[in-house]
Amino acid sequence: QAMLKEEQDIASLQIIYFDFDKSNLLPSARN
């Protein structure tokens, strides 16, 4: 059960996106 939960947690890591030619974090990215 712990391994299954960990796999689910790994899969829940989310991608963040950036504006064109920027590397600063958008408010949605911070969340």
All heavy atoms as atom14 arrays in JSON, in Angstrom:
{
  "sequence": "QAMLKEEQDIASLQIIYFDFDKSNLLPSARN",
  "atom14_mask": [
    [1, 1, 1, 1, 1, 1, 1, 1, 1, 0, 0, 0, 0, 0],
    [1, 1, 1, 1, 1, 0, 0, 0, 0, 0, 0, 0, 0, 0],
    [1, 1, 1, 1, 1, 1, 1, 1, 0, 0, 0, 0, 0, 0],
    [1, 1, 1, 1, 1, 1, 1, 1, 0, 0, 0, 0, 0, 0],
    [1, 1, 1, 1, 1, 1, 1, 1, 1, 0, 0, 0, 0, 0],
    [1, 1, 1, 1, 1, 1, 1, 1, 1, 0, 0, 0, 0, 0],
    [1, 1, 1, 1, 1, 1, 1, 1, 1, 0, 0, 0, 0, 0],
    [1, 1, 1, 1, 1, 1, 1, 1, 1, 0, 0, 0, 0, 0],
    [1, 1, 1, 1, 1, 1, 1, 1, 0, 0, 0, 0, 0, 0],
    [1, 1, 1, 1, 1, 1, 1, 1, 0, 0, 0, 0, 0, 0],
    [1, 1, 1, 1, 1, 0, 0, 0, 0, 0, 0, 0, 0, 0],
    [1, 1, 1, 1, 1, 1, 0, 0, 0, 0, 0, 0, 0, 0],
    [1, 1, 1, 1, 1, 1, 1, 1, 0, 0, 0, 0, 0, 0],
    [1, 1, 1, 1, 1, 1, 1, 1, 1, 0, 0, 0, 0, 0],
    [1, 1, 1, 1, 1, 1, 1, 1, 0, 0, 0, 0, 0, 0],
    [1, 1, 1, 1, 1, 1, 1, 1, 0, 0, 0, 0, 0, 0],
    [1, 1, 1, 1, 1, 1, 1, 1, 1, 1, 1, 1, 0, 0],
    [1, 1, 1, 1, 1, 1, 1, 1, 1, 1, 1, 0, 0, 0],
    [1, 1, 1, 1, 1, 1, 1, 1, 0, 0, 0, 0, 0, 0],
    [1, 1, 1, 1, 1, 1, 1, 1, 1, 1, 1, 0, 0, 0],
    [1, 1, 1, 1, 1, 1, 1, 1, 0, 0, 0, 0, 0, 0],
    [1, 1, 1, 1, 1, 1, 1, 1, 1, 0, 0, 0, 0, 0],
    [1, 1, 1, 1, 1, 1, 0, 0, 0, 0, 0, 0, 0, 0],
    [1, 1, 1, 1, 1, 1, 1, 1, 0, 0, 0, 0, 0, 0],
    [1, 1, 1, 1, 1, 1, 1, 1, 0, 0, 0, 0, 0, 0],
    [1, 1, 1, 1, 1, 1, 1, 1, 0, 0, 0, 0, 0, 0],
    [1, 1, 1, 1, 1, 1, 1, 0, 0, 0, 0, 0, 0, 0],
    [1, 1, 1, 1, 1, 1, 0, 0, 0, 0, 0, 0, 0, 0],
    [1, 1, 1, 1, 1, 0, 0, 0, 0, 0, 0, 0, 0, 0],
    [1, 1, 1, 1, 1, 1, 1, 1, 1, 1, 1, 0, 0, 0],
    [1, 1, 1, 1, 1, 1, 1, 1, 0, 0, 0, 0, 0, 0]
  ],
  "atom14_positions": [
    [[0.83, -1.2, 0.0], [0.0, 0.0, 0.0], [0.87, 1.26, 0.0], [0.56, 2.24, -0.68], [-0.95, 0.0, 1.21], [-2.04, -1.05, 1.14], [-2.95, -0.89, -0.05], [-3.27, 0.2, -0.48], [-3.36, -2.01, -0.62], [0.0, 0.0, 0.0], [0.0, 0.0, 0.0], [0.0, 0.0, 0.0], [0.0, 0.0, 0.0], [0.0, 0.0, 0.0]],
    [[1.95, 1.23, 0.76], [2.87, 2.37, 0.8], [3.53, 2.6, -0.56], [3.67, 3.74, -1.02], [3.92, 2.19, 1.88], [0.0, 0.0, 0.0], [0.0, 0.0, 0.0], [0.0, 0.0, 0.0], [0.0, 0.0, 0.0], [0.0, 0.0, 0.0], [0.0, 0.0, 0.0], [0.0, 0.0, 0.0], [0.0, 0.0, 0.0], [0.0, 0.0, 0.0]],
    [[3.92, 1.49, -1.22], [4.53, 1.61, -2.54], [3.53, 2.16, -3.56], [3.87, 3.01, -4.38], [5.06, 0.26, -3.01], [6.34, -0.16, -2.31], [6.93, -1.8, -2.81], [7.12, -1.6, -4.56], [0.0, 0.0, 0.0], [0.0, 0.0, 0.0], [0.0, 0.0, 0.0], [0.0, 0.0, 0.0], [0.0, 0.0, 0.0], [0.0, 0.0, 0.0]],
    [[2.29, 1.69, -3.47], [1.25, 2.18, -4.37], [1.02, 3.67, -4.15], [0.92, 4.45, -5.1], [-0.04, 1.38, -4.17], [-1.23, 1.81, -5.01], [-0.93, 1.62, -6.5], [-2.46, 0.99, -4.62], [0.0, 0.0, 0.0], [0.0, 0.0, 0.0], [0.0, 0.0, 0.0], [0.0, 0.0, 0.0], [0.0, 0.0, 0.0], [0.0, 0.0, 0.0]],
    [[0.95, 4.06, -2.88], [0.76, 5.48, -2.54], [1.93, 6.31, -3.06], [1.74, 7.39, -3.61], [0.6, 5.63, -1.02], [0.51, 7.05, -0.54], [-0.74, 7.73, -1.04], [-0.87, 9.11, -0.42], [-1.38, 10.09, -1.37], [0.0, 0.0, 0.0], [0.0, 0.0, 0.0], [0.0, 0.0, 0.0], [0.0, 0.0, 0.0], [0.0, 0.0, 0.0]],
    [[3.14, 5.8, -2.9], [4.32, 6.53, -3.37], [4.28, 6.67, -4.9], [4.58, 7.74, -5.42], [5.61, 5.83, -2.93], [6.85, 6.6, -3.28], [8.12, 6.0, -2.71], [8.05, 5.0, -1.98], [9.19, 6.54, -3.01], [0.0, 0.0, 0.0], [0.0, 0.0, 0.0], [0.0, 0.0, 0.0], [0.0, 0.0, 0.0], [0.0, 0.0, 0.0]],
    [[3.9, 5.61, -5.58], [3.79, 5.69, -7.05], [2.75, 6.74, -7.46], [2.96, 7.48, -8.42], [3.43, 4.32, -7.63], [4.56, 3.33, -7.57], [4.15, 1.92, -7.98], [3.0, 1.73, -8.44], [4.98, 1.01, -7.83], [0.0, 0.0, 0.0], [0.0, 0.0, 0.0], [0.0, 0.0, 0.0], [0.0, 0.0, 0.0], [0.0, 0.0, 0.0]],
    [[1.64, 6.78, -6.73], [0.61, 7.78, -7.01], [1.14, 9.19, -6.75], [0.86, 10.12, -7.52], [-0.64, 7.52, -6.17], [-1.38, 6.26, -6.57], [-2.47, 5.88, -5.57], [-2.49, 6.34, -4.42], [-3.39, 5.03, -6.01], [0.0, 0.0, 0.0], [0.0, 0.0, 0.0], [0.0, 0.0, 0.0], [0.0, 0.0, 0.0], [0.0, 0.0, 0.0]],
    [[1.91, 9.34, -5.67], [2.48, 10.65, -5.36], [3.5, 11.08, -6.42], [3.55, 12.25, -6.8], [3.12, 10.64, -3.97], [2.07, 10.64, -2.86], [0.89, 10.96, -3.14], [2.42, 10.31, -1.72], [0.0, 0.0, 0.0], [0.0, 0.0, 0.0], [0.0, 0.0, 0.0], [0.0, 0.0, 0.0], [0.0, 0.0, 0.0], [0.0, 0.0, 0.0]],
    [[4.3, 10.14, -6.91], [5.26, 10.46, -7.97], [4.51, 10.94, -9.21], [4.87, 11.95, -9.83], [6.15, 9.24, -8.31], [7.14, 9.0, -7.17], [6.89, 9.45, -9.63], [7.92, 7.69, -7.29], [0.0, 0.0, 0.0], [0.0, 0.0, 0.0], [0.0, 0.0, 0.0], [0.0, 0.0, 0.0], [0.0, 0.0, 0.0], [0.0, 0.0, 0.0]],
    [[3.44, 10.23, -9.53], [2.64, 10.6, -10.71], [1.94, 11.94, -10.53], [1.59, 12.59, -11.53], [1.62, 9.51, -11.01], [0.0, 0.0, 0.0], [0.0, 0.0, 0.0], [0.0, 0.0, 0.0], [0.0, 0.0, 0.0], [0.0, 0.0, 0.0], [0.0, 0.0, 0.0], [0.0, 0.0, 0.0], [0.0, 0.0, 0.0], [0.0, 0.0, 0.0]],
    [[1.76, 12.37, -9.28], [1.05, 13.64, -9.05], [1.97, 14.86, -9.11], [1.48, 15.99, -9.01], [0.31, 13.59, -7.71], [1.22, 13.63, -6.63], [0.0, 0.0, 0.0], [0.0, 0.0, 0.0], [0.0, 0.0, 0.0], [0.0, 0.0, 0.0], [0.0, 0.0, 0.0], [0.0, 0.0, 0.0], [0.0, 0.0, 0.0], [0.0, 0.0, 0.0]],
    [[3.28, 14.65, -9.24], [4.18, 15.8, -9.42], [3.77, 16.52, -10.7], [3.6, 15.88, -11.74], [5.64, 15.35, -9.49], [6.26, 14.85, -8.19], [7.61, 14.21, -8.45], [6.38, 15.98, -7.17], [0.0, 0.0, 0.0], [0.0, 0.0, 0.0], [0.0, 0.0, 0.0], [0.0, 0.0, 0.0], [0.0, 0.0, 0.0], [0.0, 0.0, 0.0]],
    [[3.63, 17.82, -10.61], [3.09, 18.57, -11.74], [4.16, 19.39, -12.46], [5.18, 19.77, -11.88], [1.98, 19.5, -11.26], [0.79, 18.73, -10.69], [-0.32, 19.66, -10.28], [-0.69, 20.57, -11.02], [-0.83, 19.46, -9.07], [0.0, 0.0, 0.0], [0.0, 0.0, 0.0], [0.0, 0.0, 0.0], [0.0, 0.0, 0.0], [0.0, 0.0, 0.0]],
    [[3.86, 19.65, -13.69], [4.72, 20.47, -14.56], [4.32, 21.93, -14.38], [3.15, 22.26, -14.21], [4.5, 20.05, -16.03], [4.89, 18.59, -16.21], [5.25, 20.96, -16.99], [4.47, 17.99, -17.55], [0.0, 0.0, 0.0], [0.0, 0.0, 0.0], [0.0, 0.0, 0.0], [0.0, 0.0, 0.0], [0.0, 0.0, 0.0], [0.0, 0.0, 0.0]],
    [[5.31, 22.8, -14.43], [5.0, 24.24, -14.42], [5.41, 24.83, -15.77], [6.26, 24.28, -16.47], [5.7, 25.0, -13.27], [7.22, 24.93, -13.41], [5.22, 24.47, -11.92], [7.93, 25.97, -12.59], [0.0, 0.0, 0.0], [0.0, 0.0, 0.0], [0.0, 0.0, 0.0], [0.0, 0.0, 0.0], [0.0, 0.0, 0.0], [0.0, 0.0, 0.0]],
    [[4.79, 25.96, -16.11], [5.02, 26.59, -17.41], [5.54, 28.01, -17.21], [5.32, 28.63, -16.16], [3.73, 26.57, -18.24], [3.28, 25.15, -18.52], [2.34, 24.52, -17.7], [3.83, 24.44, -19.57], [1.96, 23.21, -17.95], [3.45, 23.12, -19.82], [2.52, 22.52, -19.01], [2.16, 21.22, -19.25], [0.0, 0.0, 0.0], [0.0, 0.0, 0.0]],
    [[6.24, 28.51, -18.23], [6.85, 29.84, -18.18], [6.35, 30.68, -19.35], [5.93, 30.15, -20.38], [8.38, 29.71, -18.28], [9.01, 29.03, -17.1], [9.16, 27.64, -17.08], [9.45, 29.75, -16.01], [9.74, 26.99, -16.0], [10.04, 29.11, -14.92], [10.19, 27.74, -14.92], [0.0, 0.0, 0.0], [0.0, 0.0, 0.0], [0.0, 0.0, 0.0]],
    [[6.45, 31.97, -19.14], [6.17, 32.9, -20.24], [7.33, 32.85, -21.23], [8.43, 32.38, -20.89], [5.99, 34.34, -19.71], [4.63, 34.54, -19.04], [3.69, 33.79, -19.38], [4.51, 35.45, -18.18], [0.0, 0.0, 0.0], [0.0, 0.0, 0.0], [0.0, 0.0, 0.0], [0.0, 0.0, 0.0], [0.0, 0.0, 0.0], [0.0, 0.0, 0.0]],
    [[7.1, 33.39, -22.41], [8.11, 33.42, -23.45], [9.36, 34.16, -22.97], [9.27, 35.26, -22.41], [7.55, 34.1, -24.71], [8.58, 34.3, -25.78], [9.12, 33.21, -26.46], [9.02, 35.58, -26.11], [10.08, 33.4, -27.44], [9.99, 35.76, -27.1], [10.52, 34.66, -27.77], [0.0, 0.0, 0.0], [0.0, 0.0, 0.0], [0.0, 0.0, 0.0]],
    [[10.51, 33.52, -23.14], [11.81, 34.09, -22.84], [11.97, 34.49, -21.36], [12.72, 35.4, -21.04], [12.08, 35.29, -23.75], [13.57, 35.59, -23.87], [14.39, 34.65, -23.69], [13.93, 36.76, -24.09], [0.0, 0.0, 0.0], [0.0, 0.0, 0.0], [0.0, 0.0, 0.0], [0.0, 0.0, 0.0], [0.0, 0.0, 0.0], [0.0, 0.0, 0.0]],
    [[11.25, 33.81, -20.46], [11.29, 34.14, -19.02], [11.67, 32.89, -18.22], [11.41, 31.77, -18.62], [9.94, 34.64, -18.52], [9.41, 35.85, -19.22], [10.14, 37.08, -18.77], [9.48, 38.29, -19.45], [10.28, 39.46, -19.41], [0.0, 0.0, 0.0], [0.0, 0.0, 0.0], [0.0, 0.0, 0.0], [0.0, 0.0, 0.0], [0.0, 0.0, 0.0]],
    [[12.25, 33.14, -17.05], [12.55, 32.04, -16.13], [12.0, 32.33, -14.74], [12.25, 31.56, -13.82], [14.06, 31.8, -16.05], [14.72, 32.96, -15.6], [0.0, 0.0, 0.0], [0.0, 0.0, 0.0], [0.0, 0.0, 0.0], [0.0, 0.0, 0.0], [0.0, 0.0, 0.0], [0.0, 0.0, 0.0], [0.0, 0.0, 0.0], [0.0, 0.0, 0.0]],
    [[11.23, 33.43, -14.61], [10.61, 33.72, -13.31], [9.3, 32.94, -13.17], [8.66, 32.57, -14.16], [10.39, 35.22, -13.13], [9.51, 35.81, -14.21], [9.69, 35.53, -15.4], [8.55, 36.63, -13.81], [0.0, 0.0, 0.0], [0.0, 0.0, 0.0], [0.0, 0.0, 0.0], [0.0, 0.0, 0.0], [0.0, 0.0, 0.0], [0.0, 0.0, 0.0]],
    [[8.92, 32.68, -11.94], [7.75, 31.84, -11.66], [6.46, 32.65, -11.72], [6.37, 33.73, -11.14], [7.87, 31.2, -10.28], [9.05, 30.25, -10.06], [9.11, 29.8, -8.61], [8.95, 29.06, -11.0], [0.0, 0.0, 0.0], [0.0, 0.0, 0.0], [0.0, 0.0, 0.0], [0.0, 0.0, 0.0], [0.0, 0.0, 0.0], [0.0, 0.0, 0.0]],
    [[5.48, 32.12, -12.41], [4.14, 32.68, -12.43], [3.43, 32.31, -11.13], [3.78, 31.3, -10.5], [3.36, 32.13, -13.63], [3.94, 32.44, -15.01], [3.22, 31.62, -16.08], [3.82, 33.94, -15.3], [0.0, 0.0, 0.0], [0.0, 0.0, 0.0], [0.0, 0.0, 0.0], [0.0, 0.0, 0.0], [0.0, 0.0, 0.0], [0.0, 0.0, 0.0]],
    [[2.42, 33.1, -10.71], [1.7, 32.74, -9.48], [1.12, 31.32, -9.52], [1.17, 30.6, -8.51], [0.58, 33.79, -9.39], [1.12, 34.96, -10.14], [1.96, 34.38, -11.24], [0.0, 0.0, 0.0], [0.0, 0.0, 0.0], [0.0, 0.0, 0.0], [0.0, 0.0, 0.0], [0.0, 0.0, 0.0], [0.0, 0.0, 0.0], [0.0, 0.0, 0.0]],
    [[0.6, 30.89, -10.66], [0.04, 29.53, -10.76], [1.15, 28.49, -10.58], [0.93, 27.42, -10.01], [-0.65, 29.34, -12.11], [0.27, 29.54, -13.17], [0.0, 0.0, 0.0], [0.0, 0.0, 0.0], [0.0, 0.0, 0.0], [0.0, 0.0, 0.0], [0.0, 0.0, 0.0], [0.0, 0.0, 0.0], [0.0, 0.0, 0.0], [0.0, 0.0, 0.0]],
    [[2.37, 28.81, -11.05], [3.5, 27.9, -10.91], [3.9, 27.75, -9.44], [4.26, 26.66, -9.0], [4.68, 28.38, -11.74], [0.0, 0.0, 0.0], [0.0, 0.0, 0.0], [0.0, 0.0, 0.0], [0.0, 0.0, 0.0], [0.0, 0.0, 0.0], [0.0, 0.0, 0.0], [0.0, 0.0, 0.0], [0.0, 0.0, 0.0], [0.0, 0.0, 0.0]],
    [[3.82, 28.83, -8.68], [4.17, 28.78, -7.25], [3.24, 27.81, -6.5], [3.69, 27.05, -5.64], [4.13, 30.16, -6.62], [5.23, 31.06, -7.11], [5.15, 32.45, -6.44], [6.18, 33.3, -6.99], [7.46, 33.27, -6.6], [7.83, 32.44, -5.66], [8.34, 34.09, -7.13], [0.0, 0.0, 0.0], [0.0, 0.0, 0.0], [0.0, 0.0, 0.0]],
    [[1.95, 27.85, -6.82], [1.0, 26.94, -6.16], [1.33, 25.48, -6.48], [1.28, 24.61, -5.61], [-0.43, 27.25, -6.6], [-0.91, 28.61, -6.09], [-0.41, 29.12, -5.1], [-1.86, 29.19, -6.79], [0.0, 0.0, 0.0], [0.0, 0.0, 0.0], [0.0, 0.0, 0.0], [0.0, 0.0, 0.0], [0.0, 0.0, 0.0], [0.0, 0.0, 0.0]]
  ]
}
